[in-house]
Amino acid sequence: MLLIVAIVVSAVALVLLAWQWDLLPRDVIATGTVQTEDGKTLETRQFYRASRQDAYKSSAPGPLVREAVWEVRLPSGRWIDCDGADCKAAAGRVMR
């Protein structure tokens, strides 16, 4: 029993790490770049993020909603969320 739990926990951890390290494919809509004050060029991308919309007063899951969102890639390789117009500012806040 303990072995099964360890395998399930390991599998979930691997999927989460693959998601964080951008190893799972995303449905990319657009790409671009922003340049920081110190001259670094960072990649940006817009992709669809799927989520469920809660149905009002219903126990059933709501419809699947695909929302277009932006991310910027930091020099460390990590992607962070940003709004299309403030990707440069979002990266600047995190890199300080």
PDB file of N, CA and C in Angstrom:
ATOM      1  N   MET A   1       0.825  -1.200   0.000  1.00  0.00           N
ATOM      2  CA  MET A   1       0.000   0.000   0.000  1.00  0.00           C
ATOM      3  C   MET A   1       0.870   1.266   0.000  1.00  0.00           C
ATOM      4  N   LEU A   2       1.908   1.210   0.812  1.00  0.00           N
ATOM      5  CA  LEU A   2       2.807   2.362   0.880  1.00  0.00           C
ATOM      6  C   LEU A   2       3.513   2.592  -0.455  1.00  0.00           C
ATOM      7  N   LEU A   3       3.815   1.515  -1.145  1.00  0.00           N
ATOM      8  CA  LEU A   3       4.455   1.629  -2.451  1.00  0.00           C
ATOM      9  C   LEU A   3       3.539   2.309  -3.460  1.00  0.00           C
ATOM     10  N   ILE A   4       2.266   1.987  -3.439  1.00  0.00           N
ATOM     11  CA  ILE A   4       1.296   2.606  -4.359  1.00  0.00           C
ATOM     12  C   ILE A   4       1.182   4.094  -4.079  1.00  0.00           C
ATOM     13  N   VAL A   5       1.110   4.472  -2.810  1.00  0.00           N
ATOM     14  CA  VAL A   5       1.034   5.887  -2.441  1.00  0.00           C
ATOM     15  C   VAL A   5       2.283   6.623  -2.899  1.00  0.00           C
ATOM     16  N   ALA A   6       3.436   6.019  -2.713  1.00  0.00           N
ATOM     17  CA  ALA A   6       4.691   6.647  -3.139  1.00  0.00           C
ATOM     18  C   ALA A   6       4.739   6.827  -4.646  1.00  0.00           C
ATOM     19  N   ILE A   7       4.242   5.861  -5.395  1.00  0.00           N
ATOM     20  CA  ILE A   7       4.227   5.971  -6.857  1.00  0.00           C
ATOM     21  C   ILE A   7       3.285   7.084  -7.303  1.00  0.00           C
ATOM     22  N   VAL A   8       2.104   7.176  -6.694  1.00  0.00           N
ATOM     23  CA  VAL A   8       1.140   8.217  -7.065  1.00  0.00           C
ATOM     24  C   VAL A   8       1.691   9.599  -6.734  1.00  0.00           C
ATOM     25  N   VAL A   9       2.272   9.748  -5.559  1.00  0.00           N
ATOM     26  CA  VAL A   9       2.851  11.041  -5.164  1.00  0.00           C
ATOM     27  C   VAL A   9       3.991  11.417  -6.098  1.00  0.00           C
ATOM     28  N   SER A  10       4.823  10.471  -6.469  1.00  0.00           N
ATOM     29  CA  SER A  10       5.923  10.739  -7.397  1.00  0.00           C
ATOM     30  C   SER A  10       5.415  11.151  -8.775  1.00  0.00           C
ATOM     31  N   ALA A  11       4.361  10.482  -9.238  1.00  0.00           N
ATOM     32  CA  ALA A  11       3.802  10.825 -10.548  1.00  0.00           C
ATOM     33  C   ALA A  11       3.232  12.237 -10.545  1.00  0.00           C
ATOM     34  N   VAL A  12       2.516  12.609  -9.494  1.00  0.00           N
ATOM     35  CA  VAL A  12       1.966  13.963  -9.401  1.00  0.00           C
ATOM     36  C   VAL A  12       3.091  14.988  -9.336  1.00  0.00           C
ATOM     37  N   ALA A  13       4.134  14.701  -8.571  1.00  0.00           N
ATOM     38  CA  ALA A  13       5.267  15.624  -8.477  1.00  0.00           C
ATOM     39  C   ALA A  13       5.962  15.790  -9.829  1.00  0.00           C
ATOM     40  N   LEU A  14       6.108  14.718 -10.587  1.00  0.00           N
ATOM     41  CA  LEU A  14       6.735  14.810 -11.907  1.00  0.00           C
ATOM     42  C   LEU A  14       5.912  15.654 -12.868  1.00  0.00           C
ATOM     43  N   VAL A  15       4.596  15.504 -12.838  1.00  0.00           N
ATOM     44  CA  VAL A  15       3.740  16.310 -13.716  1.00  0.00           C
ATOM     45  C   VAL A  15       3.830  17.772 -13.330  1.00  0.00           C
ATOM     46  N   LEU A  16       3.812  18.076 -12.033  1.00  0.00           N
ATOM     47  CA  LEU A  16       3.914  19.472 -11.603  1.00  0.00           C
ATOM     48  C   LEU A  16       5.257  20.082 -11.978  1.00  0.00           C
ATOM     49  N   LEU A  17       6.332  19.333 -11.832  1.00  0.00           N
ATOM     50  CA  LEU A  17       7.643  19.849 -12.227  1.00  0.00           C
ATOM     51  C   LEU A  17       7.741  20.042 -13.738  1.00  0.00           C
ATOM     52  N   ALA A  18       7.181  19.114 -14.496  1.00  0.00           N
ATOM     53  CA  ALA A  18       7.188  19.256 -15.954  1.00  0.00           C
ATOM     54  C   ALA A  18       6.402  20.490 -16.360  1.00  0.00           C
ATOM     55  N   TRP A  19       5.312  20.763 -15.677  1.00  0.00           N
ATOM     56  CA  TRP A  19       4.503  21.954 -15.984  1.00  0.00           C
ATOM     57  C   TRP A  19       5.296  23.217 -15.658  1.00  0.00           C
ATOM     58  N   GLN A  20       5.945  23.238 -14.495  1.00  0.00           N
ATOM     59  CA  GLN A  20       6.710  24.409 -14.082  1.00  0.00           C
ATOM     60  C   GLN A  20       7.893  24.663 -14.997  1.00  0.00           C
ATOM     61  N   TRP A  21       8.561  23.616 -15.442  1.00  0.00           N
ATOM     62  CA  TRP A  21       9.745  23.766 -16.288  1.00  0.00           C
ATOM     63  C   TRP A  21       9.401  23.837 -17.762  1.00  0.00           C
ATOM     64  N   ASP A  22       8.124  23.975 -18.078  1.00  0.00           N
ATOM     65  CA  ASP A  22       7.659  24.184 -19.446  1.00  0.00           C
ATOM     66  C   ASP A  22       7.995  23.006 -20.358  1.00  0.00           C
ATOM     67  N   LEU A  23       7.861  21.791 -19.845  1.00  0.00           N
ATOM     68  CA  LEU A  23       8.085  20.614 -20.664  1.00  0.00           C
ATOM     69  C   LEU A  23       6.790  20.099 -21.282  1.00  0.00           C
ATOM     70  N   LEU A  24       5.653  20.527 -20.756  1.00  0.00           N
ATOM     71  CA  LEU A  24       4.368  20.142 -21.327  1.00  0.00           C
ATOM     72  C   LEU A  24       3.981  21.155 -22.399  1.00  0.00           C
ATOM     73  N   PRO A  25       3.481  20.713 -23.529  1.00  0.00           N
ATOM     74  CA  PRO A  25       3.154  21.650 -24.606  1.00  0.00           C
ATOM     75  C   PRO A  25       1.967  22.537 -24.257  1.00  0.00           C
ATOM     76  N   ARG A  26       1.987  23.756 -24.735  1.00  0.00           N
ATOM     77  CA  ARG A  26       0.892  24.709 -24.557  1.00  0.00           C
ATOM     78  C   ARG A  26       0.411  25.153 -25.929  1.00  0.00           C
ATOM     79  N   ASP A  27      -0.813  25.589 -25.971  1.00  0.00           N
ATOM     80  CA  ASP A  27      -1.412  26.092 -27.209  1.00  0.00           C
ATOM     81  C   ASP A  27      -1.056  27.576 -27.333  1.00  0.00           C
ATOM     82  N   VAL A  28       0.122  27.867 -27.884  1.00  0.00           N
ATOM     83  CA  VAL A  28       0.637  29.240 -27.954  1.00  0.00           C
ATOM     84  C   VAL A  28      -0.053  29.985 -29.087  1.00  0.00           C
ATOM     85  N   ILE A  29      -0.551  31.188 -28.762  1.00  0.00           N
ATOM     86  CA  ILE A  29      -1.235  32.043 -29.735  1.00  0.00           C
ATOM     87  C   ILE A  29      -0.257  33.011 -30.382  1.00  0.00           C
ATOM     88  N   ALA A  30       0.576  33.653 -29.538  1.00  0.00           N
ATOM     89  CA  ALA A  30       1.493  34.678 -30.041  1.00  0.00           C
ATOM     90  C   ALA A  30       2.762  34.672 -29.200  1.00  0.00           C
ATOM     91  N   THR A  31       3.843  35.169 -29.779  1.00  0.00           N
ATOM     92  CA  THR A  31       5.112  35.302 -29.059  1.00  0.00           C
ATOM     93  C   THR A  31       5.651  36.705 -29.280  1.00  0.00           C
ATOM     94  N   GLY A  32       6.590  37.091 -28.446  1.00  0.00           N
ATOM     95  CA  GLY A  32       7.201  38.405 -28.587  1.00  0.00           C
ATOM     96  C   GLY A  32       8.375  38.531 -27.647  1.00  0.00           C
ATOM     97  N   THR A  33       8.912  39.737 -27.546  1.00  0.00           N
ATOM     98  CA  THR A  33      10.030  40.005 -26.642  1.00  0.00           C
ATOM     99  C   THR A  33       9.823  41.359 -25.984  1.00  0.00           C
ATOM    100  N   VAL A  34      10.424  41.526 -24.813  1.00  0.00           N
ATOM    101  CA  VAL A  34      10.513  42.825 -24.138  1.00  0.00           C
ATOM    102  C   VAL A  34      11.953  43.003 -23.716  1.00  0.00           C
ATOM    103  N   GLN A  35      12.378  44.251 -23.630  1.00  0.00           N
ATOM    104  CA  GLN A  35      13.748  44.538 -23.227  1.00  0.00           C
ATOM    105  C   GLN A  35      13.719  45.282 -21.900  1.00  0.00           C
ATOM    106  N   THR A  36      14.505  44.812 -20.938  1.00  0.00           N
ATOM    107  CA  THR A  36      14.550  45.429 -19.619  1.00  0.00           C
ATOM    108  C   THR A  36      15.479  46.638 -19.638  1.00  0.00           C
ATOM    109  N   GLU A  37      15.502  47.364 -18.501  1.00  0.00           N
ATOM    110  CA  GLU A  37      16.338  48.562 -18.416  1.00  0.00           C
ATOM    111  C   GLU A  37      17.822  48.247 -18.516  1.00  0.00           C
ATOM    112  N   ASP A  38      18.216  47.040 -18.052  1.00  0.00           N
ATOM    113  CA  ASP A  38      19.636  46.688 -18.118  1.00  0.00           C
ATOM    114  C   ASP A  38      20.019  46.002 -19.421  1.00  0.00           C
ATOM    115  N   GLY A  39      19.135  46.008 -20.408  1.00  0.00           N
ATOM    116  CA  GLY A  39      19.463  45.521 -21.740  1.00  0.00           C
ATOM    117  C   GLY A  39      19.164  44.063 -22.022  1.00  0.00           C
ATOM    118  N   LYS A  40      18.594  43.350 -21.058  1.00  0.00           N
ATOM    119  CA  LYS A  40      18.271  41.938 -21.286  1.00  0.00           C
ATOM    120  C   LYS A  40      16.993  41.827 -22.114  1.00  0.00           C
ATOM    121  N   THR A  41      16.995  40.909 -23.066  1.00  0.00           N
ATOM    122  CA  THR A  41      15.814  40.655 -23.890  1.00  0.00           C
ATOM    123  C   THR A  41      15.118  39.408 -23.360  1.00  0.00           C
ATOM    124  N   LEU A  42      13.854  39.564 -22.989  1.00  0.00           N
ATOM    125  CA  LEU A  42      13.068  38.465 -22.417  1.00  0.00           C
ATOM    126  C   LEU A  42      11.968  38.062 -23.384  1.00  0.00           C
ATOM    127  N   GLU A  43      11.708  36.766 -23.450  1.00  0.00           N
ATOM    128  CA  GLU A  43      10.651  36.246 -24.324  1.00  0.00           C
ATOM    129  C   GLU A  43       9.284  36.405 -23.643  1.00  0.00           C
ATOM    130  N   THR A  44       8.261  36.636 -24.450  1.00  0.00           N
ATOM    131  CA  THR A  44       6.887  36.638 -23.968  1.00  0.00           C
ATOM    132  C   THR A  44       6.076  35.701 -24.849  1.00  0.00           C
ATOM    133  N   ARG A  45       4.975  35.219 -24.304  1.00  0.00           N
ATOM    134  CA  ARG A  45       4.077  34.381 -25.095  1.00  0.00           C
ATOM    135  C   ARG A  45       2.654  34.530 -24.569  1.00  0.00           C
ATOM    136  N   GLN A  46       1.717  34.376 -25.483  1.00  0.00           N
ATOM    137  CA  GLN A  46       0.303  34.362 -25.130  1.00  0.00           C
ATOM    138  C   GLN A  46      -0.213  32.962 -25.438  1.00  0.00           C
ATOM    139  N   PHE A  47      -0.958  32.402 -24.510  1.00  0.00           N
ATOM    140  CA  PHE A  47      -1.476  31.049 -24.698  1.00  0.00           C
ATOM    141  C   PHE A  47      -2.862  30.953 -24.068  1.00  0.00           C
ATOM    142  N   TYR A  48      -3.534  29.862 -24.345  1.00  0.00           N
ATOM    143  CA  TYR A  48      -4.855  29.626 -23.770  1.00  0.00           C
ATOM    144  C   TYR A  48      -4.709  28.879 -22.450  1.00  0.00           C
ATOM    145  N   ARG A  49      -5.328  29.408 -21.389  1.00  0.00           N
ATOM    146  CA  ARG A  49      -5.384  28.735 -20.094  1.00  0.00           C
ATOM    147  C   ARG A  49      -6.820  28.266 -19.889  1.00  0.00           C
ATOM    148  N   ALA A  50      -6.980  26.992 -19.657  1.00  0.00           N
ATOM    149  CA  ALA A  50      -8.308  26.420 -19.474  1.00  0.00           C
ATOM    150  C   ALA A  50      -8.674  26.407 -17.994  1.00  0.00           C
ATOM    151  N   SER A  51      -9.913  26.753 -17.705  1.00  0.00           N
ATOM    152  CA  SER A  51     -10.414  26.696 -16.333  1.00  0.00           C
ATOM    153  C   SER A  51     -11.913  26.425 -16.382  1.00  0.00           C
ATOM    154  N   ARG A  52     -12.428  26.008 -15.282  1.00  0.00           N
ATOM    155  CA  ARG A  52     -13.864  25.747 -15.180  1.00  0.00           C
ATOM    156  C   ARG A  52     -14.551  26.952 -14.564  1.00  0.00           C
ATOM    157  N   GLN A  53     -15.659  27.324 -15.131  1.00  0.00           N
ATOM    158  CA  GLN A  53     -16.457  28.424 -14.605  1.00  0.00           C
ATOM    159  C   GLN A  53     -17.535  27.815 -13.722  1.00  0.00           C
ATOM    160  N   ASP A  54     -17.607  28.256 -12.474  1.00  0.00           N
ATOM    161  CA  ASP A  54     -18.589  27.692 -11.553  1.00  0.00           C
ATOM    162  C   ASP A  54     -19.999  28.036 -12.003  1.00  0.00           C
ATOM    163  N   ALA A  55     -20.831  27.010 -12.002  1.00  0.00           N
ATOM    164  CA  ALA A  55     -22.245  27.231 -12.316  1.00  0.00           C
ATOM    165  C   ALA A  55     -22.927  27.738 -11.055  1.00  0.00           C
ATOM    166  N   TYR A  56     -23.767  28.725 -11.186  1.00  0.00           N
ATOM    167  CA  TYR A  56     -24.433  29.337 -10.039  1.00  0.00           C
ATOM    168  C   TYR A  56     -25.416  28.349  -9.418  1.00  0.00           C
ATOM    169  N   LYS A  57     -25.239  28.087  -8.126  1.00  0.00           N
ATOM    170  CA  LYS A  57     -26.127  27.200  -7.350  1.00  0.00           C
ATOM    171  C   LYS A  57     -26.279  25.821  -7.982  1.00  0.00           C
ATOM    172  N   SER A  58     -25.177  25.248  -8.419  1.00  0.00           N
ATOM    173  CA  SER A  58     -25.222  23.921  -9.014  1.00  0.00           C
ATOM    174  C   SER A  58     -23.999  23.142  -8.552  1.00  0.00           C
ATOM    175  N   SER A  59     -24.193  21.865  -8.296  1.00  0.00           N
ATOM    176  CA  SER A  59     -23.058  21.038  -7.894  1.00  0.00           C
ATOM    177  C   SER A  59     -22.288  20.506  -9.105  1.00  0.00           C
ATOM    178  N   ALA A  60     -22.868  20.636 -10.284  1.00  0.00           N
ATOM    179  CA  ALA A  60     -22.212  20.167 -11.496  1.00  0.00           C
ATOM    180  C   ALA A  60     -21.093  21.133 -11.889  1.00  0.00           C
ATOM    181  N   PRO A  61     -19.996  20.617 -12.473  1.00  0.00           N
ATOM    182  CA  PRO A  61     -18.936  21.526 -12.921  1.00  0.00           C
ATOM    183  C   PRO A  61     -19.438  22.400 -14.066  1.00  0.00           C
ATOM    184  N   GLY A  62     -18.975  23.621 -14.071  1.00  0.00           N
ATOM    185  CA  GLY A  62     -19.386  24.547 -15.115  1.00  0.00           C
ATOM    186  C   GLY A  62     -18.682  24.262 -16.423  1.00  0.00           C
ATOM    187  N   PRO A  63     -18.950  25.072 -17.411  1.00  0.00           N
ATOM    188  CA  PRO A  63     -18.317  24.870 -18.712  1.00  0.00           C
ATOM    189  C   PRO A  63     -16.822  25.190 -18.675  1.00  0.00           C
ATOM    190  N   LEU A  64     -16.095  24.552 -19.543  1.00  0.00           N
ATOM    191  CA  LEU A  64     -14.662  24.787 -19.661  1.00  0.00           C
ATOM    192  C   LEU A  64     -14.444  26.086 -20.434  1.00  0.00           C
ATOM    193  N   VAL A  65     -13.709  27.007 -19.825  1.00  0.00           N
ATOM    194  CA  VAL A  65     -13.460  28.323 -20.423  1.00  0.00           C
ATOM    195  C   VAL A  65     -11.985  28.417 -20.789  1.00  0.00           C
ATOM    196  N   ARG A  66     -11.698  28.817 -22.007  1.00  0.00           N
ATOM    197  CA  ARG A  66     -10.314  29.041 -22.444  1.00  0.00           C
ATOM    198  C   ARG A  66     -10.065  30.537 -22.495  1.00  0.00           C
ATOM    199  N   GLU A  67      -9.143  30.983 -21.644  1.00  0.00           N
ATOM    200  CA  GLU A  67      -8.834  32.402 -21.538  1.00  0.00           C
ATOM    201  C   GLU A  67      -7.433  32.653 -22.072  1.00  0.00           C
ATOM    202  N   ALA A  68      -7.264  33.663 -22.889  1.00  0.00           N
ATOM    203  CA  ALA A  68      -5.946  34.014 -23.424  1.00  0.00           C
ATOM    204  C   ALA A  68      -5.184  34.834 -22.380  1.00  0.00           C
ATOM    205  N   VAL A  69      -4.001  34.350 -21.977  1.00  0.00           N
ATOM    206  CA  VAL A  69      -3.175  35.027 -20.973  1.00  0.00           C
ATOM    207  C   VAL A  69      -1.745  35.155 -21.479  1.00  0.00           C
ATOM    208  N   TRP A  70      -0.995  36.076 -20.875  1.00  0.00           N
ATOM    209  CA  TRP A  70       0.392  36.337 -21.265  1.00  0.00           C
ATOM    210  C   TRP A  70       1.342  35.869 -20.173  1.00  0.00           C
ATOM    211  N   GLU A  71       2.544  35.463 -20.580  1.00  0.00           N
ATOM    212  CA  GLU A  71       3.641  35.122 -19.668  1.00  0.00           C
ATOM    213  C   GLU A  71       4.924  35.731 -20.209  1.00  0.00           C
ATOM    214  N   VAL A  72       5.856  36.002 -19.292  1.00  0.00           N
ATOM    215  CA  VAL A  72       7.188  36.474 -19.664  1.00  0.00           C
ATOM    216  C   VAL A  72       8.205  35.515 -19.040  1.00  0.00           C
ATOM    217  N   ARG A  73       9.262  35.232 -19.794  1.00  0.00           N
ATOM    218  CA  ARG A  73      10.291  34.289 -19.320  1.00  0.00           C
ATOM    219  C   ARG A  73      11.443  35.064 -18.701  1.00  0.00           C
ATOM    220  N   LEU A  74      11.739  34.743 -17.446  1.00  0.00           N
ATOM    221  CA  LEU A  74      12.833  35.391 -16.727  1.00  0.00           C
ATOM    222  C   LEU A  74      14.173  34.807 -17.179  1.00  0.00           C
ATOM    223  N   PRO A  75      15.283  35.492 -16.891  1.00  0.00           N
ATOM    224  CA  PRO A  75      16.596  34.954 -17.276  1.00  0.00           C
ATOM    225  C   PRO A  75      16.885  33.582 -16.663  1.00  0.00           C
ATOM    226  N   SER A  76      16.251  33.260 -15.544  1.00  0.00           N
ATOM    227  CA  SER A  76      16.452  31.953 -14.914  1.00  0.00           C
ATOM    228  C   SER A  76      15.725  30.835 -15.658  1.00  0.00           C
ATOM    229  N   GLY A  77      14.843  31.204 -16.605  1.00  0.00           N
ATOM    230  CA  GLY A  77      14.085  30.215 -17.358  1.00  0.00           C
ATOM    231  C   GLY A  77      12.659  30.032 -16.876  1.00  0.00           C
ATOM    232  N   ARG A  78      12.311  30.659 -15.765  1.00  0.00           N
ATOM    233  CA  ARG A  78      10.968  30.531 -15.206  1.00  0.00           C
ATOM    234  C   ARG A  78      10.002  31.483 -15.904  1.00  0.00           C
ATOM    235  N   TRP A  79       8.788  30.989 -16.187  1.00  0.00           N
ATOM    236  CA  TRP A  79       7.744  31.822 -16.792  1.00  0.00           C
ATOM    237  C   TRP A  79       6.860  32.375 -15.688  1.00  0.00           C
ATOM    238  N   ILE A  80       6.548  33.677 -15.749  1.00  0.00           N
ATOM    239  CA  ILE A  80       5.620  34.287 -14.790  1.00  0.00           C
ATOM    240  C   ILE A  80       4.489  34.949 -15.557  1.00  0.00           C
ATOM    241  N   ASP A  81       3.328  35.031 -14.921  1.00  0.00           N
ATOM    242  CA  ASP A  81       2.165  35.671 -15.543  1.00  0.00           C
ATOM    243  C   ASP A  81       2.370  37.174 -15.638  1.00  0.00           C
ATOM    244  N   CYS A  82       1.821  37.741 -16.690  1.00  0.00           N
ATOM    245  CA  CYS A  82       1.800  39.191 -16.848  1.00  0.00           C
ATOM    246  C   CYS A  82       0.611  39.553 -17.726  1.00  0.00           C
ATOM    247  N   ASP A  83       0.276  40.816 -17.726  1.00  0.00           N
ATOM    248  CA  ASP A  83      -0.723  41.297 -18.658  1.00  0.00           C
ATOM    249  C   ASP A  83       0.060  41.733 -19.890  1.00  0.00           C
ATOM    250  N   GLY A  84      -0.509  41.640 -21.062  1.00  0.00           N
ATOM    251  CA  GLY A  84       0.232  41.924 -22.286  1.00  0.00           C
ATOM    252  C   GLY A  84       0.993  43.232 -22.269  1.00  0.00           C
ATOM    253  N   ALA A  85       0.437  44.253 -21.602  1.00  0.00           N
ATOM    254  CA  ALA A  85       1.061  45.568 -21.610  1.00  0.00           C
ATOM    255  C   ALA A  85       2.092  45.743 -20.500  1.00  0.00           C
ATOM    256  N   ASP A  86       2.055  44.927 -19.445  1.00  0.00           N
ATOM    257  CA  ASP A  86       2.962  45.150 -18.319  1.00  0.00           C
ATOM    258  C   ASP A  86       3.979  44.037 -18.128  1.00  0.00           C
ATOM    259  N   CYS A  87       4.307  43.294 -19.169  1.00  0.00           N
ATOM    260  CA  CYS A  87       5.282  42.203 -19.025  1.00  0.00           C
ATOM    261  C   CYS A  87       6.646  42.717 -18.599  1.00  0.00           C
ATOM    262  N   LYS A  88       7.046  43.875 -19.102  1.00  0.00           N
ATOM    263  CA  LYS A  88       8.332  44.454 -18.735  1.00  0.00           C
ATOM    264  C   LYS A  88       8.333  44.828 -17.254  1.00  0.00           C
ATOM    265  N   ALA A  89       7.245  45.422 -16.779  1.00  0.00           N
ATOM    266  CA  ALA A  89       7.154  45.807 -15.373  1.00  0.00           C
ATOM    267  C   ALA A  89       7.080  44.580 -14.460  1.00  0.00           C
ATOM    268  N   ALA A  90       6.349  43.550 -14.879  1.00  0.00           N
ATOM    269  CA  ALA A  90       6.254  42.330 -14.072  1.00  0.00           C
ATOM    270  C   ALA A  90       7.611  41.666 -13.917  1.00  0.00           C
ATOM    271  N   ALA A  91       8.370  41.591 -15.001  1.00  0.00           N
ATOM    272  CA  ALA A  91       9.709  41.004 -14.936  1.00  0.00           C
ATOM    273  C   ALA A  91      10.626  41.856 -14.072  1.00  0.00           C
ATOM    274  N   GLY A  92      10.500  43.159 -14.173  1.00  0.00           N
ATOM    275  CA  GLY A  92      11.329  44.056 -13.350  1.00  0.00           C
ATOM    276  C   GLY A  92      11.058  43.894 -11.870  1.00  0.00           C
ATOM    277  N   ARG A  93       9.779  43.708 -11.498  1.00  0.00           N
ATOM    278  CA  ARG A  93       9.433  43.520 -10.088  1.00  0.00           C
ATOM    279  C   ARG A  93      10.030  42.228  -9.536  1.00  0.00           C
ATOM    280  N   VAL A  94      10.011  41.184 -10.315  1.00  0.00           N
ATOM    281  CA  VAL A  94      10.495  39.879  -9.856  1.00  0.00           C
ATOM    282  C   VAL A  94      12.019  39.840  -9.821  1.00  0.00           C
ATOM    283  N   MET A  95      12.684  40.490 -10.761  1.00  0.00           N
ATOM    284  CA  MET A  95      14.151  40.409 -10.853  1.00  0.00           C
ATOM    285  C   MET A  95      14.862  41.320  -9.856  1.00  0.00           C
ATOM    286  N   ARG A  96      14.165  42.155  -9.144  1.00  0.00           N
ATOM    287  CA  ARG A  96      14.824  43.038  -8.162  1.00  0.00           C
ATOM    288  C   ARG A  96      15.322  42.277  -6.984  1.00  0.00           C
TER     289      ARG A  96
END
